[in-house]
N, C-alpha and C. Protein backbone atom coordinates (compact mmCIF):
# COMPACT_ATOMS: atom_id res chain seq x y z
N MET A 1 -80.77 -58.82 99.53
CA MET A 1 -81.73 -58.97 100.80
C MET A 1 -82.79 -59.40 101.05
N ASP A 2 -83.12 -59.48 102.07
CA ASP A 2 -84.42 -60.10 102.10
C ASP A 2 -85.81 -60.17 101.72
N PRO A 3 -86.63 -60.96 101.61
CA PRO A 3 -87.93 -60.45 100.41
C PRO A 3 -88.66 -59.38 101.79
N LEU A 4 -88.80 -60.12 102.71
CA LEU A 4 -89.51 -58.81 103.58
C LEU A 4 -89.15 -57.80 104.01
N GLU A 5 -87.99 -57.57 104.03
CA GLU A 5 -87.28 -56.41 104.09
C GLU A 5 -87.55 -55.80 102.79
N ARG A 6 -87.03 -55.83 101.63
CA ARG A 6 -87.66 -55.53 100.60
C ARG A 6 -88.78 -54.94 100.37
N LEU A 7 -89.76 -55.74 100.42
CA LEU A 7 -90.86 -55.20 100.76
C LEU A 7 -91.73 -54.04 101.50
N ILE A 8 -91.19 -54.11 102.73
CA ILE A 8 -90.96 -53.12 103.83
C ILE A 8 -90.43 -52.06 103.04
N LYS A 9 -89.28 -51.75 102.51
CA LYS A 9 -88.66 -50.34 101.79
C LYS A 9 -89.44 -50.15 100.80
N ALA A 10 -89.74 -51.26 100.17
CA ALA A 10 -90.93 -50.56 99.03
C ALA A 10 -91.70 -49.71 99.34
N LEU A 11 -93.03 -50.18 100.13
CA LEU A 11 -93.75 -49.84 100.78
C LEU A 11 -93.47 -48.43 101.71
N GLY A 12 -92.25 -48.12 102.22
CA GLY A 12 -91.60 -47.20 102.88
C GLY A 12 -91.56 -45.68 102.18
N ARG A 13 -91.14 -46.08 100.99
CA ARG A 13 -90.86 -45.29 99.98
C ARG A 13 -92.21 -44.65 99.60
N LEU A 14 -93.60 -45.12 99.74
CA LEU A 14 -94.63 -44.07 99.28
C LEU A 14 -94.72 -43.13 100.14
N PRO A 15 -95.72 -41.93 99.42
CA PRO A 15 -95.78 -41.01 100.73
C PRO A 15 -96.43 -41.26 102.35
N GLY A 16 -96.35 -40.52 102.94
CA GLY A 16 -96.75 -40.73 104.09
C GLY A 16 -96.99 -42.20 104.96
N ILE A 17 -95.69 -43.20 104.40
CA ILE A 17 -95.90 -44.07 105.04
C ILE A 17 -94.57 -44.56 105.23
N GLY A 18 -94.52 -44.03 107.00
CA GLY A 18 -92.79 -44.60 107.74
C GLY A 18 -92.57 -46.21 107.95
N ARG A 19 -91.59 -46.19 108.37
CA ARG A 19 -90.62 -47.28 108.43
C ARG A 19 -91.82 -48.28 109.13
N ARG A 20 -92.66 -47.95 110.16
CA ARG A 20 -93.77 -48.78 111.32
C ARG A 20 -94.68 -49.07 110.37
N SER A 21 -95.18 -47.88 109.98
CA SER A 21 -96.48 -48.46 108.71
C SER A 21 -96.15 -49.27 107.40
N ALA A 22 -95.01 -49.15 107.11
CA ALA A 22 -94.53 -50.19 106.11
C ALA A 22 -94.30 -51.61 106.41
N GLU A 23 -94.04 -51.55 108.07
CA GLU A 23 -93.82 -53.13 108.52
C GLU A 23 -95.50 -53.82 108.84
N ARG A 24 -96.12 -52.60 109.45
CA ARG A 24 -97.42 -53.40 109.35
C ARG A 24 -97.99 -53.85 108.40
N MET A 25 -97.72 -53.02 106.98
CA MET A 25 -98.39 -53.47 105.77
C MET A 25 -98.05 -54.76 105.10
N ALA A 26 -96.80 -54.93 105.24
CA ALA A 26 -95.73 -55.68 105.18
C ALA A 26 -96.02 -57.41 105.67
N LEU A 27 -96.63 -57.22 107.00
CA LEU A 27 -96.99 -58.15 107.52
C LEU A 27 -98.17 -58.69 107.69
N LYS A 28 -98.97 -58.02 107.37
CA LYS A 28 -100.46 -58.12 107.09
C LYS A 28 -100.59 -58.70 105.71
N LEU A 29 -99.79 -58.70 104.84
CA LEU A 29 -99.61 -59.21 103.40
C LEU A 29 -99.43 -60.64 103.72
N VAL A 30 -98.24 -60.50 104.50
CA VAL A 30 -97.92 -61.74 104.50
C VAL A 30 -98.49 -63.19 105.15
N ARG A 31 -99.39 -62.66 106.33
CA ARG A 31 -100.16 -63.10 107.41
C ARG A 31 -101.64 -63.58 106.64
N ASP A 32 -102.07 -62.83 105.43
CA ASP A 32 -102.97 -62.92 104.90
C ASP A 32 -102.80 -64.22 103.99
N GLY A 33 -101.90 -64.93 103.65
CA GLY A 33 -101.67 -66.16 102.90
C GLY A 33 -101.44 -66.20 101.31
N GLY A 34 -101.28 -64.90 100.81
CA GLY A 34 -101.28 -64.44 99.45
C GLY A 34 -102.31 -63.71 98.62
N GLY A 35 -103.41 -64.68 99.14
CA GLY A 35 -104.92 -63.86 98.73
C GLY A 35 -104.79 -62.09 98.22
N MET A 36 -104.16 -61.52 99.37
CA MET A 36 -103.93 -59.70 99.07
C MET A 36 -102.66 -59.61 98.01
N ILE A 37 -101.85 -60.42 98.56
CA ILE A 37 -100.45 -60.07 97.74
C ILE A 37 -100.97 -60.67 96.21
N ARG A 38 -101.44 -61.12 95.98
CA ARG A 38 -102.04 -61.58 94.39
C ARG A 38 -102.89 -60.57 93.75
N GLU A 39 -104.02 -60.03 94.61
CA GLU A 39 -104.64 -59.24 94.45
C GLU A 39 -104.27 -57.76 94.33
N LEU A 40 -103.02 -57.44 95.09
CA LEU A 40 -102.28 -56.01 95.34
C LEU A 40 -101.72 -56.31 93.53
N ALA A 41 -100.86 -57.53 93.29
CA ALA A 41 -99.86 -57.43 92.61
C ALA A 41 -100.34 -57.26 91.10
N ALA A 42 -101.87 -58.26 90.98
CA ALA A 42 -102.34 -57.55 89.90
C ALA A 42 -102.79 -55.90 89.35
N ALA A 43 -103.31 -55.66 90.64
CA ALA A 43 -103.74 -54.20 90.84
C ALA A 43 -102.79 -53.39 90.01
N LEU A 44 -101.29 -53.72 90.87
CA LEU A 44 -100.43 -52.65 90.50
C LEU A 44 -100.18 -52.95 88.84
N GLY A 45 -100.18 -54.19 88.22
CA GLY A 45 -100.15 -54.56 86.98
C GLY A 45 -100.79 -53.75 86.18
N GLU A 46 -101.86 -53.88 86.38
CA GLU A 46 -103.15 -52.89 85.53
C GLU A 46 -102.63 -51.82 85.63
N VAL A 47 -102.45 -51.09 86.60
CA VAL A 47 -102.16 -49.85 86.33
C VAL A 47 -100.82 -49.76 85.91
N GLU A 48 -99.91 -50.13 85.72
CA GLU A 48 -98.83 -50.25 84.82
C GLU A 48 -98.80 -50.11 83.45
N ARG A 49 -99.90 -51.10 82.96
CA ARG A 49 -100.21 -51.22 81.53
C ARG A 49 -101.27 -50.49 81.02
N GLN A 50 -102.01 -49.65 82.07
CA GLN A 50 -103.44 -48.78 81.73
C GLN A 50 -103.37 -47.61 81.88
N VAL A 51 -102.72 -46.91 82.84
CA VAL A 51 -102.37 -45.87 83.39
C VAL A 51 -101.15 -45.06 83.40
N CYS A 52 -101.40 -44.07 82.76
CA CYS A 52 -99.76 -43.14 82.65
C CYS A 52 -100.67 -41.82 83.33
N CYS A 53 -99.33 -40.83 83.16
CA CYS A 53 -99.21 -39.38 83.32
C CYS A 53 -99.58 -38.40 81.68
N CYS A 54 -100.75 -38.07 81.90
CA CYS A 54 -100.54 -36.98 80.36
C CYS A 54 -99.54 -36.15 80.17
N SER A 55 -99.23 -36.72 78.85
CA SER A 55 -97.87 -36.08 78.13
C SER A 55 -98.08 -34.67 78.22
N LYS A 56 -98.90 -33.97 78.36
CA LYS A 56 -99.33 -32.35 78.28
C LYS A 56 -99.11 -31.86 79.34
N CYS A 57 -100.23 -32.24 80.51
CA CYS A 57 -100.45 -31.45 81.83
C CYS A 57 -99.91 -32.31 83.34
N GLY A 58 -99.67 -33.41 82.78
CA GLY A 58 -99.11 -34.42 83.88
C GLY A 58 -100.37 -34.89 84.45
N ASN A 59 -101.74 -34.98 84.21
CA ASN A 59 -102.78 -35.41 85.01
C ASN A 59 -102.57 -37.13 84.84
N VAL A 60 -103.09 -37.71 85.78
CA VAL A 60 -103.32 -39.48 85.39
C VAL A 60 -104.46 -39.51 84.64
N THR A 61 -104.29 -40.29 83.44
CA THR A 61 -104.91 -40.98 82.80
C THR A 61 -104.73 -42.11 82.17
N ALA A 62 -105.89 -42.77 81.59
CA ALA A 62 -105.88 -43.68 80.94
C ALA A 62 -104.87 -44.03 80.04
N ARG A 63 -103.88 -44.83 79.84
CA ARG A 63 -102.68 -44.59 78.05
C ARG A 63 -103.90 -44.29 76.98
N GLN A 64 -105.18 -45.16 76.91
CA GLN A 64 -105.34 -44.74 75.28
C GLN A 64 -106.04 -43.27 75.22
N GLN A 65 -106.29 -42.95 76.39
CA GLN A 65 -106.51 -41.42 76.56
C GLN A 65 -105.74 -40.44 76.87
N ASP A 66 -104.81 -40.18 76.32
CA ASP A 66 -103.33 -39.32 76.33
C ASP A 66 -103.13 -38.58 75.18
N PRO A 67 -103.60 -36.99 75.22
CA PRO A 67 -103.93 -36.11 76.09
C PRO A 67 -105.16 -36.52 77.01
N CYS A 68 -105.00 -35.80 78.23
CA CYS A 68 -105.91 -36.23 79.10
C CYS A 68 -107.60 -35.65 78.40
N ARG A 69 -108.50 -36.28 79.67
CA ARG A 69 -109.95 -35.61 79.25
C ARG A 69 -109.62 -33.74 79.26
N ILE A 70 -109.10 -33.48 80.38
CA ILE A 70 -109.31 -32.07 80.59
C ILE A 70 -108.24 -31.21 79.29
N CYS A 71 -107.24 -31.45 79.12
CA CYS A 71 -106.09 -31.18 77.85
C CYS A 71 -107.37 -31.19 76.77
N THR A 72 -108.17 -32.09 76.13
CA THR A 72 -109.01 -32.16 75.32
C THR A 72 -110.10 -31.51 75.35
N ASP A 73 -110.58 -31.06 76.33
CA ASP A 73 -112.17 -30.77 76.79
C ASP A 73 -111.94 -29.08 75.83
N PRO A 74 -112.79 -28.80 74.78
CA PRO A 74 -112.65 -27.69 74.08
C PRO A 74 -113.76 -26.68 75.19
N ARG A 75 -114.42 -27.15 75.90
CA ARG A 75 -115.18 -26.02 77.19
C ARG A 75 -114.59 -25.77 77.83
N ARG A 76 -113.22 -26.02 77.79
CA ARG A 76 -112.00 -25.04 79.04
C ARG A 76 -111.17 -23.98 78.39
N ASP A 77 -110.84 -23.25 79.59
CA ASP A 77 -110.36 -22.17 78.92
C ASP A 77 -108.85 -22.35 78.73
N THR A 78 -108.57 -22.04 77.10
CA THR A 78 -107.09 -22.61 76.91
C THR A 78 -106.12 -20.86 77.09
N HIS A 79 -106.26 -20.37 77.94
CA HIS A 79 -105.88 -19.17 78.07
C HIS A 79 -105.25 -18.95 79.36
N VAL A 80 -105.78 -20.28 80.36
CA VAL A 80 -105.02 -20.24 81.95
C VAL A 80 -104.76 -21.15 81.87
N LEU A 81 -104.02 -20.89 83.02
CA LEU A 81 -103.19 -22.55 83.04
C LEU A 81 -102.90 -22.37 84.87
N CYS A 82 -103.62 -23.35 85.00
CA CYS A 82 -103.04 -23.60 86.78
C CYS A 82 -102.51 -25.08 87.16
N VAL A 83 -100.70 -24.39 87.57
CA VAL A 83 -99.93 -24.83 87.70
C VAL A 83 -99.76 -25.23 89.34
N VAL A 84 -99.87 -26.68 89.31
CA VAL A 84 -99.83 -27.68 90.81
C VAL A 84 -98.24 -28.25 91.03
N GLU A 85 -98.32 -28.92 92.13
CA GLU A 85 -96.88 -29.49 91.95
C GLU A 85 -97.30 -30.78 91.98
N ASP A 86 -98.46 -31.71 91.69
CA ASP A 86 -98.86 -33.22 91.73
C ASP A 86 -99.97 -33.24 91.11
N PRO A 87 -100.27 -34.30 90.71
CA PRO A 87 -101.43 -34.88 89.65
C PRO A 87 -102.84 -34.97 90.79
N GLY A 88 -102.38 -35.13 92.15
CA GLY A 88 -103.45 -35.08 93.20
C GLY A 88 -104.04 -33.80 93.37
N ASP A 89 -103.27 -32.92 93.51
CA ASP A 89 -103.54 -31.26 93.47
C ASP A 89 -104.73 -31.14 92.47
N ILE A 90 -104.50 -31.81 91.04
CA ILE A 90 -105.46 -31.76 90.22
C ILE A 90 -106.98 -32.17 90.72
N VAL A 91 -106.64 -33.28 91.02
CA VAL A 91 -107.86 -33.89 91.30
C VAL A 91 -108.84 -33.04 92.51
N LEU A 92 -108.25 -32.56 93.30
CA LEU A 92 -108.91 -31.70 94.33
C LEU A 92 -109.27 -30.55 93.66
N ILE A 93 -108.66 -30.01 92.80
CA ILE A 93 -109.37 -28.85 92.62
C ILE A 93 -110.73 -28.83 91.43
N GLU A 94 -110.36 -30.18 90.95
CA GLU A 94 -111.46 -30.25 90.01
C GLU A 94 -112.47 -31.01 91.05
N LYS A 95 -112.54 -31.28 92.04
CA LYS A 95 -113.39 -31.86 92.99
C LYS A 95 -114.49 -30.63 93.36
N ALA A 96 -113.57 -29.45 93.36
CA ALA A 96 -113.92 -28.34 93.69
C ALA A 96 -114.92 -28.09 92.96
N GLY A 97 -114.44 -27.67 91.73
CA GLY A 97 -115.67 -27.68 90.46
C GLY A 97 -115.62 -25.94 89.94
N SER A 98 -114.67 -25.55 90.28
CA SER A 98 -114.64 -23.65 90.13
C SER A 98 -113.73 -23.33 89.29
N PHE A 99 -112.94 -24.30 88.68
CA PHE A 99 -111.39 -23.97 87.74
C PHE A 99 -112.06 -24.54 86.43
N GLN A 100 -111.99 -23.70 85.12
CA GLN A 100 -112.23 -24.35 84.37
C GLN A 100 -111.29 -24.01 83.31
N GLY A 101 -109.89 -23.93 83.51
CA GLY A 101 -108.96 -23.92 82.54
C GLY A 101 -108.05 -25.15 82.59
N ARG A 102 -107.22 -24.70 81.98
CA ARG A 102 -105.96 -25.95 82.13
C ARG A 102 -105.11 -26.39 82.86
N TYR A 103 -104.83 -27.38 83.24
CA TYR A 103 -103.53 -27.77 84.28
C TYR A 103 -102.49 -27.77 84.19
N HIS A 104 -101.05 -27.76 84.44
CA HIS A 104 -100.02 -28.08 84.43
C HIS A 104 -99.43 -28.34 86.19
N ALA A 105 -98.98 -30.01 85.71
CA ALA A 105 -98.39 -30.67 87.02
C ALA A 105 -96.84 -30.47 87.20
N LEU A 106 -96.20 -29.97 88.04
CA LEU A 106 -94.99 -29.89 88.33
C LEU A 106 -94.16 -31.31 88.53
N MET A 107 -94.93 -32.10 89.15
CA MET A 107 -94.30 -33.56 89.41
C MET A 107 -93.32 -33.03 90.63
N GLY A 108 -93.39 -32.36 90.98
CA GLY A 108 -92.69 -31.92 92.41
C GLY A 108 -92.71 -30.57 92.56
N ARG A 109 -91.46 -30.37 93.84
CA ARG A 109 -91.17 -28.92 94.25
C ARG A 109 -89.85 -28.71 94.18
N LEU A 110 -89.21 -27.45 94.35
CA LEU A 110 -88.32 -26.91 94.92
C LEU A 110 -87.79 -27.29 96.16
N SER A 111 -86.60 -28.32 96.28
CA SER A 111 -86.56 -28.50 97.90
C SER A 111 -84.65 -28.70 98.20
N PRO A 112 -84.04 -27.68 98.12
CA PRO A 112 -82.45 -27.84 98.27
C PRO A 112 -82.12 -28.41 99.09
N MET A 113 -83.31 -28.53 100.46
CA MET A 113 -82.54 -29.57 101.45
C MET A 113 -82.40 -31.21 100.84
N LYS A 114 -82.90 -31.35 99.75
CA LYS A 114 -83.31 -32.74 99.31
C LYS A 114 -82.42 -32.84 97.99
N GLY A 115 -81.86 -31.97 97.47
CA GLY A 115 -81.53 -31.20 96.22
C GLY A 115 -82.22 -31.01 95.06
N GLU A 116 -83.61 -30.80 95.36
CA GLU A 116 -84.48 -30.87 94.06
C GLU A 116 -84.42 -29.56 93.62
N GLY A 117 -83.84 -29.57 92.32
CA GLY A 117 -83.73 -28.03 91.75
C GLY A 117 -85.08 -27.83 90.70
N PRO A 118 -84.90 -26.41 89.80
CA PRO A 118 -85.68 -26.50 88.97
C PRO A 118 -85.48 -27.59 87.70
N GLU A 119 -84.46 -28.17 87.41
CA GLU A 119 -84.00 -29.27 86.93
C GLU A 119 -84.96 -30.86 86.96
N ASN A 120 -85.40 -30.71 88.09
CA ASN A 120 -86.19 -31.98 88.81
C ASN A 120 -87.37 -31.89 88.51
N ILE A 121 -88.16 -30.68 88.42
CA ILE A 121 -89.48 -30.56 88.24
C ILE A 121 -89.69 -30.09 86.32
N ARG A 122 -90.87 -30.46 86.31
CA ARG A 122 -91.11 -29.88 84.82
C ARG A 122 -91.74 -28.08 84.68
N VAL A 123 -90.38 -27.80 85.36
CA VAL A 123 -90.85 -26.07 84.42
C VAL A 123 -90.13 -25.63 83.22
N ALA A 124 -89.36 -26.60 82.73
CA ALA A 124 -89.28 -26.44 81.04
C ALA A 124 -90.26 -26.45 80.23
N GLN A 125 -90.87 -27.64 80.38
CA GLN A 125 -92.12 -27.98 80.09
C GLN A 125 -93.21 -27.01 79.75
N LEU A 126 -93.52 -26.15 81.47
CA LEU A 126 -94.16 -25.28 81.61
C LEU A 126 -94.24 -23.83 81.06
N LEU A 127 -92.64 -23.64 80.48
CA LEU A 127 -92.09 -22.47 79.70
C LEU A 127 -92.90 -22.82 78.48
N GLU A 128 -92.58 -24.05 77.92
CA GLU A 128 -92.79 -24.23 76.30
C GLU A 128 -94.40 -24.38 76.55
N ARG A 129 -95.32 -24.85 77.24
CA ARG A 129 -96.89 -24.99 77.11
C ARG A 129 -97.13 -23.52 77.21
N ILE A 130 -96.32 -22.52 77.90
CA ILE A 130 -97.47 -20.72 78.06
C ILE A 130 -96.93 -20.38 76.86
N LYS A 131 -95.79 -20.84 76.13
CA LYS A 131 -95.28 -20.10 74.58
C LYS A 131 -96.32 -20.76 73.41
N ALA A 132 -96.34 -22.17 73.49
CA ALA A 132 -96.87 -22.42 72.26
C ALA A 132 -98.16 -22.47 72.87
N GLU A 133 -98.88 -22.58 73.82
CA GLU A 133 -100.64 -22.81 73.83
C GLU A 133 -101.10 -21.22 73.65
N GLY A 134 -100.22 -20.31 73.99
CA GLY A 134 -100.52 -18.97 74.15
C GLY A 134 -100.96 -18.16 75.64
N ILE A 135 -100.69 -18.85 76.19
CA ILE A 135 -101.14 -18.72 78.01
C ILE A 135 -101.26 -17.30 78.35
N THR A 136 -102.20 -16.69 78.50
CA THR A 136 -101.98 -15.34 79.22
C THR A 136 -102.70 -15.40 80.58
N GLU A 137 -103.11 -15.97 81.56
CA GLU A 137 -103.00 -16.13 83.04
C GLU A 137 -102.16 -17.61 83.33
N VAL A 138 -101.47 -17.27 84.23
CA VAL A 138 -100.57 -18.44 85.09
C VAL A 138 -101.05 -18.22 86.57
N VAL A 139 -102.22 -19.30 87.06
CA VAL A 139 -102.19 -19.46 88.72
C VAL A 139 -101.53 -20.41 89.27
N LEU A 140 -100.93 -19.70 90.48
CA LEU A 140 -99.83 -21.01 91.00
C LEU A 140 -100.56 -21.23 92.29
N ALA A 141 -100.86 -22.53 92.23
CA ALA A 141 -101.57 -23.44 93.60
C ALA A 141 -100.44 -24.68 93.98
N MET A 142 -99.68 -23.70 94.39
CA MET A 142 -98.56 -24.62 95.27
C MET A 142 -99.36 -24.75 96.90
N ASN A 143 -98.42 -25.98 97.62
CA ASN A 143 -98.87 -26.12 99.05
C ASN A 143 -98.46 -24.76 99.67
N SER A 144 -99.18 -24.43 100.70
CA SER A 144 -98.79 -23.78 101.69
C SER A 144 -97.98 -24.05 102.57
N ASP A 145 -96.37 -24.38 102.45
CA ASP A 145 -95.51 -24.67 103.18
C ASP A 145 -94.14 -23.89 102.53
N VAL A 146 -93.13 -23.81 103.26
CA VAL A 146 -91.64 -23.39 102.66
C VAL A 146 -91.37 -23.88 101.05
N GLU A 147 -91.48 -25.27 100.99
CA GLU A 147 -90.83 -25.24 99.25
C GLU A 147 -91.94 -25.16 98.79
N GLY A 148 -93.51 -25.26 99.04
CA GLY A 148 -94.48 -24.74 98.09
C GLY A 148 -94.07 -23.38 97.52
N ASP A 149 -93.92 -22.42 98.41
CA ASP A 149 -93.96 -20.99 98.67
C ASP A 149 -92.38 -20.80 97.56
N SER A 150 -91.61 -21.37 98.43
CA SER A 150 -90.06 -21.11 97.78
C SER A 150 -90.55 -21.53 95.79
N THR A 151 -91.07 -22.59 95.75
CA THR A 151 -91.51 -23.18 94.30
C THR A 151 -92.39 -22.03 93.63
N ALA A 152 -92.96 -20.98 94.65
CA ALA A 152 -94.48 -20.21 93.88
C ALA A 152 -93.55 -19.16 93.02
N SER A 153 -92.84 -18.82 94.57
CA SER A 153 -91.53 -17.71 94.43
C SER A 153 -90.97 -17.73 93.08
N TYR A 154 -90.30 -18.47 92.56
CA TYR A 154 -89.64 -18.98 91.57
C TYR A 154 -90.20 -18.50 90.46
N LEU A 155 -91.31 -19.37 90.54
CA LEU A 155 -92.26 -19.20 89.02
C LEU A 155 -92.56 -18.28 89.10
N HIS A 156 -92.99 -17.15 90.10
CA HIS A 156 -93.51 -15.99 89.86
C HIS A 156 -92.15 -14.95 89.10
N ASP A 157 -90.92 -15.33 89.46
CA ASP A 157 -90.11 -14.62 89.04
C ASP A 157 -89.57 -14.80 87.57
N LEU A 158 -89.67 -16.19 87.64
CA LEU A 158 -89.34 -16.51 86.04
C LEU A 158 -90.45 -16.02 84.99
N LEU A 159 -91.40 -15.94 85.51
CA LEU A 159 -92.75 -15.64 84.40
C LEU A 159 -92.94 -14.14 84.30
N LYS A 160 -92.12 -13.02 85.06
CA LYS A 160 -92.71 -12.24 85.18
C LYS A 160 -92.26 -11.72 83.74
């Protein structure tokens, strides 16, 4: 495959980036003469080496701080767990500053049309955490769309 086409395909797999946006980005990178490409490659390499998802909740954290600062904060309510679809949702809830429990990112949602079922998201880990950590309250904070609603409904029935 042509390197430019490979770059377009790779960029197009990012959320919210369609084929046309991926083409514009790829062409901008090529026109820049390599400076932006080197900067982007260095940033991506640094993230790959130094950033990961928390082994407990799924939040984005530095590799040397795993579990993350939220999971290890003794001031957090250890009996309340907010279940979200994605680590980005944790960031948004934290910015609001009103939730003081812990989190669990599913890393996706149920989507039968895409062939994504419960085995494709972190449901088993959720059940293990609830049992092991003595969770007494689970807040389901899914996105308000068909897939988010079906994920929340599935989890509600599972946790009853």
